């Protein structure tokens, strides 16, 4: 995996980004978890999320992407200890 410095920080971010715009609408939480696990195993530590996700935006799914990511962090926190993630 290739990495670059993030701006003027000491953070190295992968040059490949995992997009999350379909989580909660077109993809389930389980699928999001699978994608995050796979991406992290491949060295991806940069995920794209935005306040408007899930796409297409609907009141019922507003914030779903952030919830899925938060649930993944909660579920995997012991597994990730010692790894630099996100």
Foldseek 3Di string as FASTA:
>chain_A
DDWDDDDPDPDTADPDEAEQQQEQPNDDLVVVLVVVVVCVVVVHQHYDDDQQGNPPRDPVRGCRSVVSVVVSCVVCVVVCVPPDHD
